Amino acid sequence: MNEAERSILVVVHARRDDTVAAAARVVSALREAGARPVLSIDDREELGDSLALLGDVATLEVDVPVEDIELAIVLGGDGSILRAAELVREGTAPVLGINMGHVGFLAEIERDDMDYAVRRAIERDYAVEERLALQVRVKNASDEVIFDTWALNEATVEKASRERMLEVVIEIDGRPLSSFGCDGVVVSTPTGSTAYNFSAGGPVIWPTVQAIAVVPLSAHALFAKPLVVGPEHTVAIEVLERTNGTGVLWCDGRRSHDLPPGARVVVRRSDRPVRLARLHPAAFTDRLVRKFRLPVEGWRGPAPSNGVNGQAP
């Protein structure tokens, strides 16, 4: 690939002045390196008058097909990174997140290191980490697929009305496990285990673990604890006919579909993972400590290596 043919998507939180200014710096750096900066149609519209700060920028799926995008550089928080993953879903571009928000669990680097990150991206000096994603399908009472989507963080079945409860039954690999009334059910990936799953009382799962978590929300049942199943298993949530009301499916908080009584949500591992660009290896433990500001004072640490197997005890 010639340098002039390189197309890099820039995803920006357009309603923040500092993020727009950062986008202008990124776009300028890409141009200086001979790469073509690209914006999505939605970002161009959101930027409005601020678009002039970026100059003449190509448009995704108008000037450049998603298959030609080499990398997506995201300036924002986790929401912007999820949006970027959606934009490049039909291509192969990895996503490099530069945190301009608060927690930014999916981001690779903080805003203070933005110029360093962009330089590494231009030099193609990054590794690609593949994260488990979910295939999510909604079936009607006749078992017809009426909605087909995916999720990086989680698929959540929720009650549509605050005053009403959902009646659901959980199914694993075609076998019923338990039915109960609840506010909803979260089906999460390891990547999403620090998002809605975490808030709902689910387990934090290391990204290297291939697993799917199932967490009932405010369930009225004895056996309604969080579950962790292997990626080869299929999880289904049926909205029972006796439900007095309707539910709604949300995937990553971005894609939704109404669930009438009798609807069935089937969740399994997608055969297409989400690709994240990584600039340096980092222990997930350190990320947890940093993002959640966990107390570690008094930690002594492991003893020096005793030379046996080259590992510290």
Protein backbone atom coordinates (compact mmCIF):
# COMPACT_ATOMS: atom_id res chain seq x y z
CA MET A 1 0.00 0.00 0.00
CA ASN A 2 1.37 3.40 -0.96
CA GLU A 3 1.43 6.02 1.75
CA ALA A 4 -0.84 8.24 -0.38
CA GLU A 5 -3.50 5.52 -0.29
CA ARG A 6 -3.65 5.25 3.46
CA SER A 7 -7.04 6.20 4.86
CA ILE A 8 -7.46 6.69 8.60
CA LEU A 9 -10.82 7.32 10.20
CA VAL A 10 -10.96 9.99 12.90
CA VAL A 11 -13.91 9.62 15.28
CA VAL A 12 -14.49 12.70 17.41
CA HIS A 13 -16.85 13.75 20.19
CA ALA A 14 -17.99 16.83 18.28
CA ARG A 15 -19.70 18.66 21.14
CA ARG A 16 -16.57 19.37 23.15
CA ASP A 17 -14.21 22.18 22.18
CA ASP A 18 -11.11 20.40 23.51
CA THR A 19 -11.91 17.28 21.53
CA VAL A 20 -12.51 19.23 18.31
CA ALA A 21 -9.16 21.01 18.80
CA ALA A 22 -7.51 17.62 19.34
CA ALA A 23 -9.12 16.33 16.14
CA ALA A 24 -7.63 19.25 14.22
CA ARG A 25 -4.17 18.29 15.48
CA VAL A 26 -4.68 14.65 14.55
CA VAL A 27 -5.94 15.51 11.07
CA SER A 28 -2.96 17.83 10.52
CA ALA A 29 -0.52 15.12 11.64
CA LEU A 30 -2.11 12.58 9.30
CA ARG A 31 -1.87 14.97 6.35
CA GLU A 32 1.79 15.72 7.09
CA ALA A 33 2.46 11.96 7.04
CA GLY A 34 0.77 11.61 3.65
CA ALA A 35 -2.28 9.78 5.01
CA ARG A 36 -5.88 10.67 4.19
CA PRO A 37 -8.03 11.63 7.21
CA VAL A 38 -11.63 10.45 7.02
CA LEU A 39 -14.76 11.43 8.99
CA SER A 40 -18.11 9.70 9.25
CA ILE A 41 -21.18 11.44 7.86
CA ASP A 42 -22.61 11.85 11.36
CA ASP A 43 -19.42 13.45 12.69
CA ARG A 44 -19.35 15.90 9.79
CA GLU A 45 -22.92 16.95 10.61
CA GLU A 46 -22.21 17.18 14.36
CA LEU A 47 -19.12 19.29 13.82
CA GLY A 48 -21.10 21.94 11.95
CA ASP A 49 -19.14 25.18 11.80
CA SER A 50 -16.22 23.51 13.62
CA LEU A 51 -15.62 21.39 10.52
CA ALA A 52 -13.73 24.34 9.04
CA LEU A 53 -10.96 23.78 11.61
CA LEU A 54 -10.25 20.40 10.03
CA GLY A 55 -10.17 21.54 6.41
CA ASP A 56 -11.04 19.29 3.50
CA VAL A 57 -11.60 15.82 4.98
CA ALA A 58 -12.87 12.73 3.15
CA THR A 59 -16.19 11.14 4.12
CA LEU A 60 -16.62 7.50 5.10
CA GLU A 61 -18.69 5.45 2.61
CA VAL A 62 -18.90 8.47 0.30
CA ASP A 63 -15.27 9.06 -0.63
CA VAL A 64 -13.74 6.04 1.12
CA PRO A 65 -15.34 2.61 1.63
CA VAL A 66 -14.99 1.10 5.08
CA GLU A 67 -12.90 -1.73 3.60
CA ASP A 68 -10.17 0.81 2.77
CA ILE A 69 -9.90 2.20 6.31
CA GLU A 70 -6.57 1.19 7.83
CA LEU A 71 -7.21 2.38 11.39
CA ALA A 72 -9.80 4.29 13.40
CA ILE A 73 -8.42 6.88 15.82
CA VAL A 74 -11.01 7.79 18.44
CA LEU A 75 -10.99 11.02 20.44
CA GLY A 76 -13.51 10.59 23.23
CA GLY A 77 -14.63 8.19 25.91
CA ASP A 78 -15.97 4.64 25.83
CA GLY A 79 -19.15 5.74 24.05
CA SER A 80 -17.13 7.15 21.17
CA ILE A 81 -15.04 3.98 20.99
CA LEU A 82 -18.19 1.86 20.80
CA ARG A 83 -19.43 4.11 18.02
CA ALA A 84 -16.15 3.70 16.15
CA ALA A 85 -16.36 -0.08 16.47
CA GLU A 86 -19.80 0.16 14.89
CA LEU A 87 -18.52 2.35 12.04
CA VAL A 88 -15.74 -0.07 11.05
CA ARG A 89 -17.69 -3.27 11.80
CA GLU A 90 -17.92 -4.24 8.13
CA GLY A 91 -14.18 -3.70 7.60
CA THR A 92 -10.97 -4.87 9.26
CA ALA A 93 -9.65 -1.63 10.78
CA PRO A 94 -8.61 -1.79 14.43
CA VAL A 95 -9.73 0.95 16.81
CA LEU A 96 -7.24 3.10 18.73
CA GLY A 97 -8.89 4.97 21.60
CA ILE A 98 -7.46 8.19 23.01
CA ASN A 99 -9.36 8.96 26.19
CA MET A 100 -10.84 12.44 26.28
CA GLY A 101 -13.49 11.51 28.84
CA HIS A 102 -13.43 10.24 32.40
CA VAL A 103 -13.09 6.48 32.92
CA GLY A 104 -12.31 5.51 29.34
CA PHE A 105 -11.88 1.80 30.03
CA LEU A 106 -11.59 0.91 26.36
CA ALA A 107 -9.12 3.66 25.56
CA GLU A 108 -5.50 2.77 24.97
CA ILE A 109 -3.97 6.05 26.07
CA GLU A 110 -4.80 9.34 27.78
CA ARG A 111 -5.11 12.74 26.12
CA ASP A 112 -1.71 13.95 27.37
CA ASP A 113 -0.04 11.28 25.21
CA MET A 114 -2.11 11.97 22.10
CA ASP A 115 0.74 13.17 19.86
CA TYR A 116 2.79 10.12 20.82
CA ALA A 117 -0.15 7.82 20.03
CA VAL A 118 -0.76 9.42 16.64
CA ARG A 119 2.91 9.14 15.75
CA ARG A 120 2.87 5.45 16.62
CA ALA A 121 -0.30 4.99 14.57
CA ILE A 122 1.25 6.68 11.54
CA GLU A 123 4.31 4.43 11.86
CA ARG A 124 2.01 1.38 12.18
CA ASP A 125 3.79 0.70 15.45
CA TYR A 126 0.98 -1.02 17.32
CA ALA A 127 -0.32 -4.48 18.05
CA VAL A 128 -3.87 -5.63 17.37
CA GLU A 129 -5.88 -7.31 20.12
CA GLU A 130 -9.04 -9.17 19.20
CA ARG A 131 -11.94 -8.95 21.64
CA LEU A 132 -14.86 -11.35 21.82
CA ALA A 133 -18.08 -9.87 20.43
CA LEU A 134 -21.65 -11.14 20.60
CA GLN A 135 -24.06 -12.05 17.85
CA VAL A 136 -27.56 -11.07 18.96
CA ARG A 137 -30.78 -12.13 17.29
CA VAL A 138 -34.41 -11.53 18.16
CA LYS A 139 -36.95 -14.15 17.16
CA ASN A 140 -40.73 -13.85 17.26
CA ALA A 141 -43.20 -16.42 18.55
CA SER A 142 -42.98 -18.21 15.17
CA ASP A 143 -39.19 -18.55 15.59
CA GLU A 144 -38.51 -16.13 12.74
CA VAL A 145 -35.48 -13.84 13.06
CA ILE A 146 -36.83 -10.29 13.12
CA PHE A 147 -33.70 -8.43 14.27
CA ASP A 148 -30.02 -9.28 13.88
CA THR A 149 -27.20 -7.26 15.42
CA TRP A 150 -24.05 -7.53 17.53
CA ALA A 151 -22.45 -6.18 20.70
CA LEU A 152 -18.96 -5.54 22.00
CA ASN A 153 -19.93 -4.77 25.61
CA GLU A 154 -23.33 -6.27 26.29
CA ALA A 155 -26.79 -7.18 25.13
CA THR A 156 -29.42 -6.18 27.67
CA VAL A 157 -33.06 -7.21 27.84
CA GLU A 158 -34.90 -4.58 29.90
CA LYS A 159 -38.46 -3.76 30.84
CA ALA A 160 -39.94 -1.02 28.69
CA SER A 161 -42.15 0.43 31.43
CA ARG A 162 -40.73 1.47 34.76
CA GLU A 163 -43.79 0.33 36.69
CA ARG A 164 -43.97 -3.13 35.14
CA MET A 165 -41.82 -6.22 35.56
CA LEU A 166 -40.55 -8.59 32.90
CA GLU A 167 -41.29 -12.30 33.19
CA VAL A 168 -38.42 -14.16 31.52
CA VAL A 169 -36.90 -17.60 31.29
CA ILE A 170 -33.16 -18.11 30.85
CA GLU A 171 -32.02 -20.84 28.50
CA ILE A 172 -28.53 -22.26 27.99
CA ASP A 173 -27.84 -24.37 24.89
CA GLY A 174 -31.50 -25.06 24.24
CA ARG A 175 -32.31 -26.13 27.81
CA PRO A 176 -34.34 -23.99 30.27
CA LEU A 177 -32.48 -22.93 33.40
CA SER A 178 -34.83 -20.72 35.42
CA SER A 179 -37.75 -18.33 35.04
CA PHE A 180 -38.41 -15.26 37.17
CA GLY A 181 -39.70 -11.73 37.26
CA CYS A 182 -37.03 -9.06 36.92
CA ASP A 183 -36.09 -5.64 35.62
CA GLY A 184 -33.98 -7.28 32.92
CA VAL A 185 -30.98 -9.45 32.09
CA VAL A 186 -27.49 -8.38 31.01
CA VAL A 187 -25.46 -10.69 28.76
CA SER A 188 -21.90 -9.39 28.75
CA THR A 189 -18.53 -10.00 27.14
CA PRO A 190 -15.26 -9.76 29.10
CA THR A 191 -14.79 -6.31 27.53
CA GLY A 192 -18.20 -5.25 28.87
CA SER A 193 -17.66 -6.78 32.29
CA THR A 194 -16.52 -3.38 33.62
CA ALA A 195 -19.56 -1.61 32.15
CA TYR A 196 -23.26 -2.40 32.78
CA ASN A 197 -22.35 -5.90 33.99
CA PHE A 198 -20.19 -4.38 36.73
CA SER A 199 -22.90 -1.97 37.84
CA ALA A 200 -25.39 -4.86 37.97
CA GLY A 201 -23.18 -6.89 40.31
CA GLY A 202 -21.63 -9.15 37.71
CA PRO A 203 -18.03 -10.37 37.79
CA VAL A 204 -15.06 -8.54 36.33
CA ILE A 205 -13.63 -10.83 33.66
CA TRP A 206 -10.07 -10.47 32.37
CA PRO A 207 -10.03 -9.68 28.62
CA THR A 208 -7.93 -12.79 27.93
CA VAL A 209 -10.70 -15.01 29.29
CA GLN A 210 -13.11 -16.24 26.63
CA ALA A 211 -16.45 -16.19 28.43
CA ILE A 212 -19.96 -14.75 28.50
CA ALA A 213 -21.57 -13.42 31.69
CA VAL A 214 -25.32 -13.52 32.36
CA VAL A 215 -26.56 -11.19 35.10
CA PRO A 216 -30.25 -10.83 36.11
CA LEU A 217 -31.35 -7.35 37.13
CA SER A 218 -33.40 -7.11 40.37
CA ALA A 219 -34.72 -10.63 39.92
CA HIS A 220 -37.46 -12.03 42.17
CA ALA A 221 -36.04 -15.53 42.47
CA LEU A 222 -33.74 -17.65 44.63
CA PHE A 223 -31.63 -18.85 41.71
CA ALA A 224 -30.92 -15.60 39.95
CA LYS A 225 -27.20 -15.15 40.50
CA PRO A 226 -24.65 -14.05 37.90
CA LEU A 227 -23.54 -16.87 35.62
CA VAL A 228 -20.36 -17.26 33.55
CA VAL A 229 -20.49 -19.63 30.60
CA GLY A 230 -17.96 -20.59 27.95
CA PRO A 231 -17.94 -18.88 24.55
CA GLU A 232 -19.16 -22.03 22.84
CA HIS A 233 -22.49 -21.85 24.67
CA THR A 234 -25.64 -20.09 23.47
CA VAL A 235 -27.72 -17.99 25.87
CA ALA A 236 -31.37 -17.27 25.18
CA ILE A 237 -33.79 -15.03 27.05
CA GLU A 238 -37.49 -15.48 26.39
CA VAL A 239 -40.02 -12.83 27.35
CA LEU A 240 -42.85 -14.99 28.63
CA GLU A 241 -46.38 -14.56 27.33
CA ARG A 242 -47.60 -13.83 30.85
CA THR A 243 -45.53 -10.63 30.94
CA ASN A 244 -47.78 -7.66 31.57
CA GLY A 245 -46.08 -5.20 29.29
CA THR A 246 -43.17 -5.23 26.85
CA GLY A 247 -39.41 -5.32 26.94
CA VAL A 248 -36.64 -3.76 24.91
CA LEU A 249 -33.29 -5.08 23.74
CA TRP A 250 -30.29 -2.75 23.92
CA CYS A 251 -26.88 -3.61 22.47
CA ASP A 252 -24.00 -1.46 23.73
CA GLY A 253 -26.58 1.20 24.53
CA ARG A 254 -26.67 2.06 20.81
CA ARG A 255 -28.88 -0.43 18.95
CA SER A 256 -32.33 -1.38 20.21
CA HIS A 257 -35.41 -3.41 19.36
CA ASP A 258 -38.79 -3.76 21.06
CA LEU A 259 -39.62 -7.12 22.65
CA PRO A 260 -43.30 -8.06 22.90
CA PRO A 261 -44.40 -11.04 25.02
CA GLY A 262 -43.23 -14.22 23.29
CA ALA A 263 -40.06 -12.64 21.90
CA ARG A 264 -36.85 -14.60 22.20
CA VAL A 265 -33.35 -13.07 22.32
CA VAL A 266 -30.57 -15.46 21.31
CA VAL A 267 -26.99 -14.49 22.15
CA ARG A 268 -23.86 -16.33 21.11
CA ARG A 269 -20.26 -15.57 20.32
CA SER A 270 -19.86 -13.68 17.05
CA ASP A 271 -17.48 -15.13 14.50
CA ARG A 272 -16.17 -11.58 13.99
CA PRO A 273 -14.24 -10.16 16.94
CA VAL A 274 -13.66 -6.45 17.49
CA ARG A 275 -10.05 -5.39 16.85
CA LEU A 276 -8.40 -2.92 19.22
CA ALA A 277 -5.04 -1.27 18.52
CA ARG A 278 -2.62 -1.52 21.44
CA LEU A 279 0.52 0.61 21.78
CA HIS A 280 2.07 -1.20 24.71
CA PRO A 281 1.35 -4.27 26.80
CA ALA A 282 -0.32 -3.38 30.08
CA ALA A 283 -1.49 -5.56 32.92
CA PHE A 284 -5.29 -5.52 33.21
CA THR A 285 -4.82 -5.35 36.98
CA ASP A 286 -3.08 -1.99 36.57
CA ARG A 287 -5.90 -0.76 34.36
CA LEU A 288 -8.47 -1.70 37.02
CA VAL A 289 -6.48 0.05 39.73
CA ARG A 290 -6.01 3.19 37.65
CA LYS A 291 -9.53 3.51 36.26
CA PHE A 292 -11.37 2.67 39.48
CA ARG A 293 -8.77 4.33 41.73
CA LEU A 294 -8.50 1.21 43.84
CA PRO A 295 -6.54 1.41 47.11
CA VAL A 296 -3.28 -0.56 46.99
CA GLU A 297 -1.32 1.18 49.74
CA GLY A 298 0.72 -1.26 51.82
CA TRP A 299 1.29 -3.70 48.97
CA ARG A 300 4.65 -5.42 49.45
CA GLY A 301 4.76 -7.28 46.18
CA PRO A 302 6.26 -10.67 45.33
CA ALA A 303 9.70 -11.62 46.54
CA PRO A 304 12.60 -11.41 44.06
CA SER A 305 13.01 -14.40 41.77
CA ASN A 306 14.75 -17.36 43.41
CA GLY A 307 16.00 -18.52 40.04
CA VAL A 308 13.69 -21.52 39.90
CA ASN A 309 12.00 -21.59 36.49
CA GLY A 310 12.94 -17.92 36.18
CA GLN A 311 9.79 -16.86 38.06
CA ALA A 312 9.13 -15.05 41.29
CA PRO A 313 7.11 -17.03 43.88
